[in-house]
Amino acid sequence: MIAMQGGVILFRGTGADALRYVEADRSRADDYYLSDSTGVQYTVLDASGEAVSNRVLTADEYAGWVDWINPDTGEQMGKPRMAGSDRQGSPRFAEMVINAPKSLSIAAALHPEASESLNKAQ
């Protein structure tokens, strides 16, 4: 049995804070995933689970989405609860971290089908 570890981090800042966080989470300029050619994938599902919208968000749309602005309509998607003296503000999104044994990375490098399965699991 392979043990995996990880965690969920609730982000409670503003859209501008989230954008700075995403921009800082890269080691090289070519790793930046809010550039013109890549970005944060945005998908809207209907009640049956079918995708009705599927596209990449711009940096401004991403910051707006974190601030609960619908990227497709520009409308407010509810009202986030602000932090107070006795409570935290509403989480804007959750970031999940999963750590797996190095043997899975080696298996993925040696076997393309294992790599594909691991990518789907993410």
PDB file of N, CA and C in Angstrom:
ATOM      1  N   MET A   1       0.842  -1.179   0.000  1.00  0.00           N
ATOM      2  CA  MET A   1       0.000   0.000   0.000  1.00  0.00           C
ATOM      3  C   MET A   1       0.886   1.240   0.000  1.00  0.00           C
ATOM      4  N   ILE A   2       0.535   2.214  -0.799  1.00  0.00           N
ATOM      5  CA  ILE A   2       1.294   3.458  -0.902  1.00  0.00           C
ATOM      6  C   ILE A   2       0.607   4.523  -0.061  1.00  0.00           C
ATOM      7  N   ALA A   3       1.352   5.118   0.851  1.00  0.00           N
ATOM      8  CA  ALA A   3       0.801   6.185   1.696  1.00  0.00           C
ATOM      9  C   ALA A   3       0.986   7.525   1.006  1.00  0.00           C
ATOM     10  N   MET A   4      -0.068   8.305   0.973  1.00  0.00           N
ATOM     11  CA  MET A   4       0.004   9.643   0.397  1.00  0.00           C
ATOM     12  C   MET A   4      -0.369  10.638   1.480  1.00  0.00           C
ATOM     13  N   GLN A   5       0.276  11.794   1.440  1.00  0.00           N
ATOM     14  CA  GLN A   5      -0.001  12.841   2.404  1.00  0.00           C
ATOM     15  C   GLN A   5      -0.389  14.096   1.650  1.00  0.00           C
ATOM     16  N   GLY A   6      -1.043  14.980   2.325  1.00  0.00           N
ATOM     17  CA  GLY A   6      -1.415  16.233   1.697  1.00  0.00           C
ATOM     18  C   GLY A   6      -2.222  17.071   2.652  1.00  0.00           C
ATOM     19  N   GLY A   7      -2.858  18.074   2.113  1.00  0.00           N
ATOM     20  CA  GLY A   7      -3.662  18.941   2.941  1.00  0.00           C
ATOM     21  C   GLY A   7      -4.445  19.920   2.098  1.00  0.00           C
ATOM     22  N   VAL A   8      -5.371  20.591   2.734  1.00  0.00           N
ATOM     23  CA  VAL A   8      -6.185  21.608   2.083  1.00  0.00           C
ATOM     24  C   VAL A   8      -5.920  22.930   2.785  1.00  0.00           C
ATOM     25  N   ILE A   9      -5.623  23.943   1.991  1.00  0.00           N
ATOM     26  CA  ILE A   9      -5.375  25.281   2.511  1.00  0.00           C
ATOM     27  C   ILE A   9      -6.519  26.168   2.047  1.00  0.00           C
ATOM     28  N   LEU A  10      -7.249  26.767   2.987  1.00  0.00           N
ATOM     29  CA  LEU A  10      -8.339  27.681   2.643  1.00  0.00           C
ATOM     30  C   LEU A  10      -7.771  29.080   2.472  1.00  0.00           C
ATOM     31  N   PHE A  11      -7.983  29.672   1.294  1.00  0.00           N
ATOM     32  CA  PHE A  11      -7.504  31.017   1.003  1.00  0.00           C
ATOM     33  C   PHE A  11      -8.621  32.002   1.314  1.00  0.00           C
ATOM     34  N   ARG A  12      -8.327  33.017   2.116  1.00  0.00           N
ATOM     35  CA  ARG A  12      -9.349  33.971   2.552  1.00  0.00           C
ATOM     36  C   ARG A  12      -9.048  35.408   2.129  1.00  0.00           C
ATOM     37  N   GLY A  13      -8.056  35.620   1.280  1.00  0.00           N
ATOM     38  CA  GLY A  13      -7.699  36.972   0.869  1.00  0.00           C
ATOM     39  C   GLY A  13      -8.536  37.470  -0.295  1.00  0.00           C
ATOM     40  N   THR A  14      -8.147  38.607  -0.843  1.00  0.00           N
ATOM     41  CA  THR A  14      -8.845  39.207  -1.983  1.00  0.00           C
ATOM     42  C   THR A  14      -8.339  38.608  -3.290  1.00  0.00           C
ATOM     43  N   GLY A  15      -9.004  38.963  -4.382  1.00  0.00           N
ATOM     44  CA  GLY A  15      -8.563  38.527  -5.697  1.00  0.00           C
ATOM     45  C   GLY A  15      -7.166  39.020  -6.023  1.00  0.00           C
ATOM     46  N   ALA A  16      -6.862  40.263  -5.659  1.00  0.00           N
ATOM     47  CA  ALA A  16      -5.520  40.809  -5.902  1.00  0.00           C
ATOM     48  C   ALA A  16      -4.477  40.031  -5.098  1.00  0.00           C
ATOM     49  N   ASP A  17      -4.817  39.665  -3.857  1.00  0.00           N
ATOM     50  CA  ASP A  17      -3.906  38.857  -3.039  1.00  0.00           C
ATOM     51  C   ASP A  17      -3.680  37.486  -3.673  1.00  0.00           C
ATOM     52  N   ALA A  18      -4.742  36.878  -4.187  1.00  0.00           N
ATOM     53  CA  ALA A  18      -4.634  35.561  -4.817  1.00  0.00           C
ATOM     54  C   ALA A  18      -3.767  35.634  -6.062  1.00  0.00           C
ATOM     55  N   LEU A  19      -3.919  36.696  -6.845  1.00  0.00           N
ATOM     56  CA  LEU A  19      -3.115  36.857  -8.050  1.00  0.00           C
ATOM     57  C   LEU A  19      -1.638  36.985  -7.691  1.00  0.00           C
ATOM     58  N   ARG A  20      -1.316  37.762  -6.661  1.00  0.00           N
ATOM     59  CA  ARG A  20       0.080  37.871  -6.208  1.00  0.00           C
ATOM     60  C   ARG A  20       0.601  36.518  -5.737  1.00  0.00           C
ATOM     61  N   TYR A  21      -0.238  35.756  -5.045  1.00  0.00           N
ATOM     62  CA  TYR A  21       0.138  34.430  -4.560  1.00  0.00           C
ATOM     63  C   TYR A  21       0.466  33.508  -5.735  1.00  0.00           C
ATOM     64  N   VAL A  22      -0.388  33.501  -6.755  1.00  0.00           N
ATOM     65  CA  VAL A  22      -0.168  32.654  -7.927  1.00  0.00           C
ATOM     66  C   VAL A  22       1.091  33.089  -8.667  1.00  0.00           C
ATOM     67  N   GLU A  23       1.273  34.400  -8.818  1.00  0.00           N
ATOM     68  CA  GLU A  23       2.452  34.901  -9.520  1.00  0.00           C
ATOM     69  C   GLU A  23       3.735  34.571  -8.766  1.00  0.00           C
ATOM     70  N   ALA A  24       3.690  34.547  -7.449  1.00  0.00           N
ATOM     71  CA  ALA A  24       4.884  34.259  -6.649  1.00  0.00           C
ATOM     72  C   ALA A  24       5.187  32.769  -6.612  1.00  0.00           C
ATOM     73  N   ASP A  25       4.227  31.923  -6.949  1.00  0.00           N
ATOM     74  CA  ASP A  25       4.392  30.471  -6.872  1.00  0.00           C
ATOM     75  C   ASP A  25       4.945  29.916  -8.179  1.00  0.00           C
ATOM     76  N   ARG A  26       6.067  30.429  -8.598  1.00  0.00           N
ATOM     77  CA  ARG A  26       6.732  29.946  -9.813  1.00  0.00           C
ATOM     78  C   ARG A  26       8.222  30.161  -9.648  1.00  0.00           C
ATOM     79  N   SER A  27       8.992  29.262 -10.217  1.00  0.00           N
ATOM     80  CA  SER A  27      10.440  29.368 -10.061  1.00  0.00           C
ATOM     81  C   SER A  27      11.082  30.104 -11.225  1.00  0.00           C
ATOM     82  N   ARG A  28      10.467  30.060 -12.404  1.00  0.00           N
ATOM     83  CA  ARG A  28      11.027  30.735 -13.581  1.00  0.00           C
ATOM     84  C   ARG A  28       9.883  31.413 -14.334  1.00  0.00           C
ATOM     85  N   ALA A  29      10.229  32.402 -15.138  1.00  0.00           N
ATOM     86  CA  ALA A  29       9.201  33.126 -15.894  1.00  0.00           C
ATOM     87  C   ALA A  29       8.420  32.198 -16.816  1.00  0.00           C
ATOM     88  N   ASP A  30       9.071  31.167 -17.375  1.00  0.00           N
ATOM     89  CA  ASP A  30       8.353  30.275 -18.284  1.00  0.00           C
ATOM     90  C   ASP A  30       7.450  29.280 -17.551  1.00  0.00           C
ATOM     91  N   ASP A  31       7.488  29.271 -16.216  1.00  0.00           N
ATOM     92  CA  ASP A  31       6.578  28.436 -15.434  1.00  0.00           C
ATOM     93  C   ASP A  31       5.274  29.163 -15.113  1.00  0.00           C
ATOM     94  N   TYR A  32       5.180  30.414 -15.453  1.00  0.00           N
ATOM     95  CA  TYR A  32       4.039  31.236 -15.070  1.00  0.00           C
ATOM     96  C   TYR A  32       2.787  30.757 -15.788  1.00  0.00           C
ATOM     97  N   TYR A  33       1.774  30.332 -15.043  1.00  0.00           N
ATOM     98  CA  TYR A  33       0.608  29.749 -15.697  1.00  0.00           C
ATOM     99  C   TYR A  33      -0.560  30.706 -15.864  1.00  0.00           C
ATOM    100  N   LEU A  34      -0.347  32.000 -15.701  1.00  0.00           N
ATOM    101  CA  LEU A  34      -1.368  32.976 -16.075  1.00  0.00           C
ATOM    102  C   LEU A  34      -0.867  33.833 -17.234  1.00  0.00           C
ATOM    103  N   SER A  35      -0.027  33.251 -18.091  1.00  0.00           N
ATOM    104  CA  SER A  35       0.479  33.977 -19.252  1.00  0.00           C
ATOM    105  C   SER A  35      -0.564  33.933 -20.365  1.00  0.00           C
ATOM    106  N   ASP A  36      -0.229  34.508 -21.521  1.00  0.00           N
ATOM    107  CA  ASP A  36      -1.181  34.564 -22.626  1.00  0.00           C
ATOM    108  C   ASP A  36      -1.542  33.180 -23.165  1.00  0.00           C
ATOM    109  N   SER A  37      -0.583  32.249 -23.173  1.00  0.00           N
ATOM    110  CA  SER A  37      -0.831  30.952 -23.796  1.00  0.00           C
ATOM    111  C   SER A  37      -1.398  29.909 -22.836  1.00  0.00           C
ATOM    112  N   THR A  38      -1.279  30.147 -21.544  1.00  0.00           N
ATOM    113  CA  THR A  38      -1.802  29.197 -20.564  1.00  0.00           C
ATOM    114  C   THR A  38      -2.533  29.970 -19.485  1.00  0.00           C
ATOM    115  N   GLY A  39      -3.152  29.278 -18.580  1.00  0.00           N
ATOM    116  CA  GLY A  39      -3.837  29.980 -17.504  1.00  0.00           C
ATOM    117  C   GLY A  39      -4.608  29.034 -16.628  1.00  0.00           C
ATOM    118  N   VAL A  40      -5.465  29.595 -15.809  1.00  0.00           N
ATOM    119  CA  VAL A  40      -6.314  28.815 -14.922  1.00  0.00           C
ATOM    120  C   VAL A  40      -7.537  28.363 -15.708  1.00  0.00           C
ATOM    121  N   GLN A  41      -7.773  27.062 -15.723  1.00  0.00           N
ATOM    122  CA  GLN A  41      -8.911  26.515 -16.450  1.00  0.00           C
ATOM    123  C   GLN A  41     -10.194  26.802 -15.680  1.00  0.00           C
ATOM    124  N   TYR A  42     -11.211  27.262 -16.385  1.00  0.00           N
ATOM    125  CA  TYR A  42     -12.501  27.615 -15.787  1.00  0.00           C
ATOM    126  C   TYR A  42     -13.570  26.796 -16.492  1.00  0.00           C
ATOM    127  N   THR A  43     -14.328  26.012 -15.732  1.00  0.00           N
ATOM    128  CA  THR A  43     -15.368  25.167 -16.299  1.00  0.00           C
ATOM    129  C   THR A  43     -16.649  25.333 -15.491  1.00  0.00           C
ATOM    130  N   VAL A  44     -17.764  25.476 -16.188  1.00  0.00           N
ATOM    131  CA  VAL A  44     -19.080  25.551 -15.553  1.00  0.00           C
ATOM    132  C   VAL A  44     -19.851  24.306 -15.966  1.00  0.00           C
ATOM    133  N   LEU A  45     -20.427  23.622 -14.977  1.00  0.00           N
ATOM    134  CA  LEU A  45     -21.214  22.421 -15.234  1.00  0.00           C
ATOM    135  C   LEU A  45     -22.687  22.703 -14.986  1.00  0.00           C
ATOM    136  N   ASP A  46     -23.554  22.057 -15.783  1.00  0.00           N
ATOM    137  CA  ASP A  46     -24.986  22.172 -15.522  1.00  0.00           C
ATOM    138  C   ASP A  46     -25.392  21.120 -14.488  1.00  0.00           C
ATOM    139  N   ALA A  47     -26.683  21.034 -14.196  1.00  0.00           N
ATOM    140  CA  ALA A  47     -27.167  20.134 -13.147  1.00  0.00           C
ATOM    141  C   ALA A  47     -26.871  18.666 -13.445  1.00  0.00           C
ATOM    142  N   SER A  48     -26.725  18.314 -14.728  1.00  0.00           N
ATOM    143  CA  SER A  48     -26.442  16.918 -15.081  1.00  0.00           C
ATOM    144  C   SER A  48     -24.949  16.616 -15.134  1.00  0.00           C
ATOM    145  N   GLY A  49     -24.122  17.632 -14.901  1.00  0.00           N
ATOM    146  CA  GLY A  49     -22.677  17.428 -14.909  1.00  0.00           C
ATOM    147  C   GLY A  49     -22.016  17.694 -16.246  1.00  0.00           C
ATOM    148  N   GLU A  50     -22.777  18.183 -17.219  1.00  0.00           N
ATOM    149  CA  GLU A  50     -22.223  18.500 -18.532  1.00  0.00           C
ATOM    150  C   GLU A  50     -21.598  19.891 -18.519  1.00  0.00           C
ATOM    151  N   ALA A  51     -20.456  20.033 -19.191  1.00  0.00           N
ATOM    152  CA  ALA A  51     -19.780  21.330 -19.258  1.00  0.00           C
ATOM    153  C   ALA A  51     -20.549  22.266 -20.184  1.00  0.00           C
ATOM    154  N   VAL A  52     -20.915  23.450 -19.682  1.00  0.00           N
ATOM    155  CA  VAL A  52     -21.599  24.454 -20.496  1.00  0.00           C
ATOM    156  C   VAL A  52     -20.663  25.610 -20.830  1.00  0.00           C
ATOM    157  N   SER A  53     -19.554  25.706 -20.119  1.00  0.00           N
ATOM    158  CA  SER A  53     -18.527  26.710 -20.395  1.00  0.00           C
ATOM    159  C   SER A  53     -17.195  26.096 -19.995  1.00  0.00           C
ATOM    160  N   ASN A  54     -16.207  26.249 -20.865  1.00  0.00           N
ATOM    161  CA  ASN A  54     -14.894  25.675 -20.588  1.00  0.00           C
ATOM    162  C   ASN A  54     -13.854  26.538 -21.292  1.00  0.00           C
ATOM    163  N   ARG A  55     -13.105  27.299 -20.497  1.00  0.00           N
ATOM    164  CA  ARG A  55     -12.113  28.192 -21.090  1.00  0.00           C
ATOM    165  C   ARG A  55     -11.044  28.542 -20.069  1.00  0.00           C
ATOM    166  N   VAL A  56     -10.054  29.277 -20.523  1.00  0.00           N
ATOM    167  CA  VAL A  56      -8.957  29.724 -19.665  1.00  0.00           C
ATOM    168  C   VAL A  56      -9.238  31.156 -19.223  1.00  0.00           C
ATOM    169  N   LEU A  57      -9.038  31.439 -17.943  1.00  0.00           N
ATOM    170  CA  LEU A  57      -9.243  32.790 -17.413  1.00  0.00           C
ATOM    171  C   LEU A  57      -7.996  33.641 -17.605  1.00  0.00           C
ATOM    172  N   THR A  58      -8.208  34.919 -17.892  1.00  0.00           N
ATOM    173  CA  THR A  58      -7.107  35.877 -17.881  1.00  0.00           C
ATOM    174  C   THR A  58      -6.752  36.171 -16.425  1.00  0.00           C
ATOM    175  N   ALA A  59      -5.649  36.859 -16.208  1.00  0.00           N
ATOM    176  CA  ALA A  59      -5.247  37.214 -14.842  1.00  0.00           C
ATOM    177  C   ALA A  59      -6.323  38.057 -14.161  1.00  0.00           C
ATOM    178  N   ASP A  60      -6.895  39.029 -14.882  1.00  0.00           N
ATOM    179  CA  ASP A  60      -7.941  39.875 -14.298  1.00  0.00           C
ATOM    180  C   ASP A  60      -9.212  39.078 -13.995  1.00  0.00           C
ATOM    181  N   GLU A  61      -9.585  38.161 -14.893  1.00  0.00           N
ATOM    182  CA  GLU A  61     -10.767  37.329 -14.651  1.00  0.00           C
ATOM    183  C   GLU A  61     -10.547  36.417 -13.447  1.00  0.00           C
ATOM    184  N   TYR A  62      -9.327  35.899 -13.309  1.00  0.00           N
ATOM    185  CA  TYR A  62      -9.017  35.050 -12.157  1.00  0.00           C
ATOM    186  C   TYR A  62      -9.152  35.831 -10.851  1.00  0.00           C
ATOM    187  N   ALA A  63      -8.580  37.027 -10.806  1.00  0.00           N
ATOM    188  CA  ALA A  63      -8.686  37.861  -9.599  1.00  0.00           C
ATOM    189  C   ALA A  63     -10.152  38.163  -9.301  1.00  0.00           C
ATOM    190  N   GLY A  64     -10.949  38.440 -10.336  1.00  0.00           N
ATOM    191  CA  GLY A  64     -12.379  38.683 -10.150  1.00  0.00           C
ATOM    192  C   GLY A  64     -13.110  37.452  -9.641  1.00  0.00           C
ATOM    193  N   TRP A  65     -12.770  36.283 -10.182  1.00  0.00           N
ATOM    194  CA  TRP A  65     -13.408  35.040  -9.741  1.00  0.00           C
ATOM    195  C   TRP A  65     -13.165  34.810  -8.252  1.00  0.00           C
ATOM    196  N   VAL A  66     -11.936  35.076  -7.787  1.00  0.00           N
ATOM    197  CA  VAL A  66     -11.633  34.935  -6.359  1.00  0.00           C
ATOM    198  C   VAL A  66     -12.478  35.915  -5.551  1.00  0.00           C
ATOM    199  N   ASP A  67     -12.770  37.087  -6.118  1.00  0.00           N
ATOM    200  CA  ASP A  67     -13.620  38.080  -5.451  1.00  0.00           C
ATOM    201  C   ASP A  67     -15.109  37.815  -5.684  1.00  0.00           C
ATOM    202  N   TRP A  68     -15.440  36.627  -6.167  1.00  0.00           N
ATOM    203  CA  TRP A  68     -16.807  36.162  -6.385  1.00  0.00           C
ATOM    204  C   TRP A  68     -17.523  36.925  -7.504  1.00  0.00           C
ATOM    205  N   ILE A  69     -16.784  37.239  -8.566  1.00  0.00           N
ATOM    206  CA  ILE A  69     -17.359  37.847  -9.768  1.00  0.00           C
ATOM    207  C   ILE A  69     -17.400  36.770 -10.854  1.00  0.00           C
ATOM    208  N   ASN A  70     -18.565  36.544 -11.451  1.00  0.00           N
ATOM    209  CA  ASN A  70     -18.709  35.551 -12.505  1.00  0.00           C
ATOM    210  C   ASN A  70     -17.925  35.998 -13.736  1.00  0.00           C
ATOM    211  N   PRO A  71     -16.935  35.222 -14.198  1.00  0.00           N
ATOM    212  CA  PRO A  71     -16.135  35.628 -15.350  1.00  0.00           C
ATOM    213  C   PRO A  71     -16.933  35.699 -16.648  1.00  0.00           C
ATOM    214  N   ASP A  72     -18.032  34.948 -16.741  1.00  0.00           N
ATOM    215  CA  ASP A  72     -18.837  34.959 -17.965  1.00  0.00           C
ATOM    216  C   ASP A  72     -19.796  36.136 -18.031  1.00  0.00           C
ATOM    217  N   THR A  73     -20.345  36.554 -16.879  1.00  0.00           N
ATOM    218  CA  THR A  73     -21.375  37.598 -16.882  1.00  0.00           C
ATOM    219  C   THR A  73     -20.943  38.899 -16.219  1.00  0.00           C
ATOM    220  N   GLY A  74     -19.902  38.847 -15.394  1.00  0.00           N
ATOM    221  CA  GLY A  74     -19.484  40.026 -14.638  1.00  0.00           C
ATOM    222  C   GLY A  74     -20.349  40.292 -13.414  1.00  0.00           C
ATOM    223  N   GLU A  75     -21.302  39.400 -13.134  1.00  0.00           N
ATOM    224  CA  GLU A  75     -22.202  39.577 -11.990  1.00  0.00           C
ATOM    225  C   GLU A  75     -21.568  39.059 -10.706  1.00  0.00           C
ATOM    226  N   GLN A  76     -21.963  39.656  -9.584  1.00  0.00           N
ATOM    227  CA  GLN A  76     -21.510  39.213  -8.267  1.00  0.00           C
ATOM    228  C   GLN A  76     -22.138  37.853  -7.960  1.00  0.00           C
ATOM    229  N   MET A  77     -21.343  36.903  -7.473  1.00  0.00           N
ATOM    230  CA  MET A  77     -21.830  35.555  -7.142  1.00  0.00           C
ATOM    231  C   MET A  77     -21.969  35.420  -5.625  1.00  0.00           C
ATOM    232  N   GLY A  78     -22.831  36.187  -5.029  1.00  0.00           N
ATOM    233  CA  GLY A  78     -22.988  36.165  -3.581  1.00  0.00           C
ATOM    234  C   GLY A  78     -22.142  37.237  -2.933  1.00  0.00           C
ATOM    235  N   LYS A  79     -22.143  37.240  -1.629  1.00  0.00           N
ATOM    236  CA  LYS A  79     -21.393  38.245  -0.884  1.00  0.00           C
ATOM    237  C   LYS A  79     -20.498  37.548   0.129  1.00  0.00           C
ATOM    238  N   PRO A  80     -19.177  37.666  -0.026  1.00  0.00           N
ATOM    239  CA  PRO A  80     -18.294  37.019   0.944  1.00  0.00           C
ATOM    240  C   PRO A  80     -18.426  37.646   2.323  1.00  0.00           C
ATOM    241  N   ARG A  81     -18.411  36.799   3.340  1.00  0.00           N
ATOM    242  CA  ARG A  81     -18.452  37.281   4.717  1.00  0.00           C
ATOM    243  C   ARG A  81     -17.069  37.833   5.061  1.00  0.00           C
ATOM    244  N   MET A  82     -17.041  39.022   5.582  1.00  0.00           N
ATOM    245  CA  MET A  82     -15.774  39.650   5.941  1.00  0.00           C
ATOM    246  C   MET A  82     -15.346  39.180   7.328  1.00  0.00           C
ATOM    247  N   ALA A  83     -14.049  39.215   7.563  1.00  0.00           N
ATOM    248  CA  ALA A  83     -13.515  38.810   8.865  1.00  0.00           C
ATOM    249  C   ALA A  83     -13.938  39.817   9.924  1.00  0.00           C
ATOM    250  N   GLY A  84     -14.149  39.325  11.118  1.00  0.00           N
ATOM    251  CA  GLY A  84     -14.491  40.174  12.254  1.00  0.00           C
ATOM    252  C   GLY A  84     -13.616  39.819  13.438  1.00  0.00           C
ATOM    253  N   SER A  85     -13.879  40.440  14.564  1.00  0.00           N
ATOM    254  CA  SER A  85     -13.058  40.182  15.750  1.00  0.00           C
ATOM    255  C   SER A  85     -13.238  38.761  16.271  1.00  0.00           C
ATOM    256  N   ASP A  86     -14.383  38.137  15.959  1.00  0.00           N
ATOM    257  CA  ASP A  86     -14.659  36.801  16.482  1.00  0.00           C
ATOM    258  C   ASP A  86     -14.793  35.729  15.401  1.00  0.00           C
ATOM    259  N   ARG A  87     -14.458  36.059  14.146  1.00  0.00           N
ATOM    260  CA  ARG A  87     -14.603  35.076  13.071  1.00  0.00           C
ATOM    261  C   ARG A  87     -13.662  35.396  11.911  1.00  0.00           C
ATOM    262  N   GLN A  88     -13.397  34.357  11.115  1.00  0.00           N
ATOM    263  CA  GLN A  88     -12.617  34.538   9.899  1.00  0.00           C
ATOM    264  C   GLN A  88     -13.560  34.883   8.758  1.00  0.00           C
ATOM    265  N   GLY A  89     -13.021  35.462   7.707  1.00  0.00           N
ATOM    266  CA  GLY A  89     -13.825  35.745   6.532  1.00  0.00           C
ATOM    267  C   GLY A  89     -14.105  34.477   5.738  1.00  0.00           C
ATOM    268  N   SER A  90     -14.975  34.599   4.745  1.00  0.00           N
ATOM    269  CA  SER A  90     -15.324  33.456   3.901  1.00  0.00           C
ATOM    270  C   SER A  90     -14.106  32.963   3.133  1.00  0.00           C
ATOM    271  N   PRO A  91     -13.939  31.650   3.038  1.00  0.00           N
ATOM    272  CA  PRO A  91     -12.878  31.137   2.163  1.00  0.00           C
ATOM    273  C   PRO A  91     -13.213  31.496   0.717  1.00  0.00           C
ATOM    274  N   ARG A  92     -12.219  31.924  -0.042  1.00  0.00           N
ATOM    275  CA  ARG A  92     -12.434  32.278  -1.448  1.00  0.00           C
ATOM    276  C   ARG A  92     -12.211  31.069  -2.348  1.00  0.00           C
ATOM    277  N   PHE A  93     -11.237  30.225  -1.990  1.00  0.00           N
ATOM    278  CA  PHE A  93     -11.017  28.968  -2.682  1.00  0.00           C
ATOM    279  C   PHE A  93     -10.173  28.075  -1.791  1.00  0.00           C
ATOM    280  N   ALA A  94     -10.076  26.812  -2.158  1.00  0.00           N
ATOM    281  CA  ALA A  94      -9.265  25.857  -1.403  1.00  0.00           C
ATOM    282  C   ALA A  94      -8.171  25.322  -2.314  1.00  0.00           C
ATOM    283  N   GLU A  95      -6.963  25.312  -1.814  1.00  0.00           N
ATOM    284  CA  GLU A  95      -5.830  24.753  -2.547  1.00  0.00           C
ATOM    285  C   GLU A  95      -5.499  23.408  -1.919  1.00  0.00           C
ATOM    286  N   MET A  96      -5.385  22.388  -2.754  1.00  0.00           N
ATOM    287  CA  MET A  96      -5.106  21.049  -2.248  1.00  0.00           C
ATOM    288  C   MET A  96      -3.684  20.654  -2.613  1.00  0.00           C
ATOM    289  N   VAL A  97      -2.979  20.114  -1.638  1.00  0.00           N
ATOM    290  CA  VAL A  97      -1.615  19.641  -1.837  1.00  0.00           C
ATOM    291  C   VAL A  97      -1.598  18.141  -1.582  1.00  0.00           C
ATOM    292  N   ILE A  98      -1.056  17.401  -2.542  1.00  0.00           N
ATOM    293  CA  ILE A  98      -0.931  15.959  -2.386  1.00  0.00           C
ATOM    294  C   ILE A  98       0.525  15.591  -2.607  1.00  0.00           C
ATOM    295  N   ASN A  99       1.104  14.892  -1.657  1.00  0.00           N
ATOM    296  CA  ASN A  99       2.468  14.398  -1.773  1.00  0.00           C
ATOM    297  C   ASN A  99       2.415  12.892  -1.956  1.00  0.00           C
ATOM    298  N   ALA A 100       3.132  12.401  -2.948  1.00  0.00           N
ATOM    299  CA  ALA A 100       3.164  10.969  -3.215  1.00  0.00           C
ATOM    300  C   ALA A 100       4.613  10.490  -3.187  1.00  0.00           C
ATOM    301  N   PRO A 101       4.818   9.208  -2.985  1.00  0.00           N
ATOM    302  CA  PRO A 101       6.180   8.679  -2.972  1.00  0.00           C
ATOM    303  C   PRO A 101       6.896   8.892  -4.308  1.00  0.00           C
ATOM    304  N   LYS A 102       8.205   9.028  -4.250  1.00  0.00           N
ATOM    305  CA  LYS A 102       9.024   9.235  -5.450  1.00  0.00           C
ATOM    306  C   LYS A 102       8.852   8.083  -6.435  1.00  0.00           C
ATOM    307  N   SER A 103       8.533   6.895  -5.941  1.00  0.00           N
ATOM    308  CA  SER A 103       8.376   5.743  -6.831  1.00  0.00           C
ATOM    309  C   SER A 103       7.276   5.976  -7.863  1.00  0.00           C
ATOM    310  N   LEU A 104       6.259   6.772  -7.525  1.00  0.00           N
ATOM    311  CA  LEU A 104       5.214   7.080  -8.507  1.00  0.00           C
ATOM    312  C   LEU A 104       5.757   7.955  -9.629  1.00  0.00           C
ATOM    313  N   SER A 105       6.637   8.898  -9.300  1.00  0.00           N
ATOM    314  CA  SER A 105       7.257   9.735 -10.330  1.00  0.00           C
ATOM    315  C   SER A 105       8.131   8.901 -11.251  1.00  0.00           C
ATOM    316  N   ILE A 106       8.853   7.958 -10.683  1.00  0.00           N
ATOM    317  CA  ILE A 106       9.708   7.081 -11.493  1.00  0.00           C
ATOM    318  C   ILE A 106       8.847   6.212 -12.399  1.00  0.00           C
ATOM    319  N   ALA A 107       7.768   5.657 -11.863  1.00  0.00           N
ATOM    320  CA  ALA A 107       6.860   4.836 -12.674  1.00  0.00           C
ATOM    321  C   ALA A 107       6.265   5.657 -13.811  1.00  0.00           C
ATOM    322  N   ALA A 108       5.907   6.895 -13.535  1.00  0.00           N
ATOM    323  CA  ALA A 108       5.336   7.758 -14.576  1.00  0.00           C
ATOM    324  C   ALA A 108       6.358   8.064 -15.657  1.00  0.00           C
ATOM    325  N   ALA A 109       7.619   8.246 -15.270  1.00  0.00           N
ATOM    326  CA  ALA A 109       8.669   8.527 -16.257  1.00  0.00           C
ATOM    327  C   ALA A 109       8.932   7.320 -17.150  1.00  0.00           C
ATOM    328  N   LEU A 110       8.789   6.132 -16.607  1.00  0.00           N
ATOM    329  CA  LEU A 110       9.072   4.913 -17.370  1.00  0.00           C
ATOM    330  C   LEU A 110       7.881   4.408 -18.172  1.00  0.00           C
ATOM    331  N   HIS A 111       6.680   4.718 -17.715  1.00  0.00           N
ATOM    332  CA  HIS A 111       5.479   4.162 -18.343  1.00  0.00           C
ATOM    333  C   HIS A 111       4.472   5.276 -18.632  1.00  0.00           C
ATOM    334  N   PRO A 112       4.297   5.637 -19.914  1.00  0.00           N
ATOM    335  CA  PRO A 112       3.366   6.722 -20.266  1.00  0.00           C
ATOM    336  C   PRO A 112       1.944   6.494 -19.757  1.00  0.00           C
ATOM    337  N   GLU A 113       1.482   5.246 -19.719  1.00  0.00           N
ATOM    338  CA  GLU A 113       0.118   4.989 -19.242  1.00  0.00           C
ATOM    339  C   GLU A 113      -0.011   5.295 -17.752  1.00  0.00           C
ATOM    340  N   ALA A 114       1.049   5.058 -16.989  1.00  0.00           N
ATOM    341  CA  ALA A 114       1.034   5.416 -15.565  1.00  0.00           C
ATOM    342  C   ALA A 114       1.018   6.933 -15.402  1.00  0.00           C
ATOM    343  N   SER A 115       1.783   7.619 -16.243  1.00  0.00           N
ATOM    344  CA  SER A 115       1.812   9.082 -16.205  1.00  0.00           C
ATOM    345  C   SER A 115       0.430   9.652 -16.494  1.00  0.00           C
ATOM    346  N   GLU A 116      -0.231   9.103 -17.499  1.00  0.00           N
ATOM    347  CA  GLU A 116      -1.575   9.574 -17.862  1.00  0.00           C
ATOM    348  C   GLU A 116      -2.565   9.348 -16.714  1.00  0.00           C
ATOM    349  N   SER A 117      -2.492   8.197 -16.076  1.00  0.00           N
ATOM    350  CA  SER A 117      -3.383   7.903 -14.945  1.00  0.00           C
ATOM    351  C   SER A 117      -3.138   8.844 -13.776  1.00  0.00           C
ATOM    352  N   LEU A 118      -1.870   9.128 -13.482  1.00  0.00           N
ATOM    353  CA  LEU A 118      -1.552  10.047 -12.389  1.00  0.00           C
ATOM    354  C   LEU A 118      -2.037  11.458 -12.696  1.00  0.00           C
ATOM    355  N   ASN A 119      -1.900  11.891 -13.951  1.00  0.00           N
ATOM    356  CA  ASN A 119      -2.388  13.220 -14.338  1.00  0.00           C
ATOM    357  C   ASN A 119      -3.900  13.313 -14.189  1.00  0.00           C
ATOM    358  N   LYS A 120      -4.621  12.266 -14.547  1.00  0.00           N
ATOM    359  CA  LYS A 120      -6.078  12.270 -14.394  1.00  0.00           C
ATOM    360  C   LYS A 120      -6.477  12.320 -12.929  1.00  0.00           C
ATOM    361  N   ALA A 121      -5.682  11.684 -12.077  1.00  0.00           N
ATOM    362  CA  ALA A 121      -5.988  11.656 -10.649  1.00  0.00           C
ATOM    363  C   ALA A 121      -5.812  13.015  -9.994  1.00  0.00           C
ATOM    364  N   GLN A 122      -5.042  13.891 -10.605  1.00  0.00           N
ATOM    365  CA  GLN A 122      -4.824  15.222 -10.047  1.00  0.00           C
ATOM    366  C   GLN A 122      -6.053  16.033 -10.256  1.00  0.00           C
TER     367      GLN A 122
END
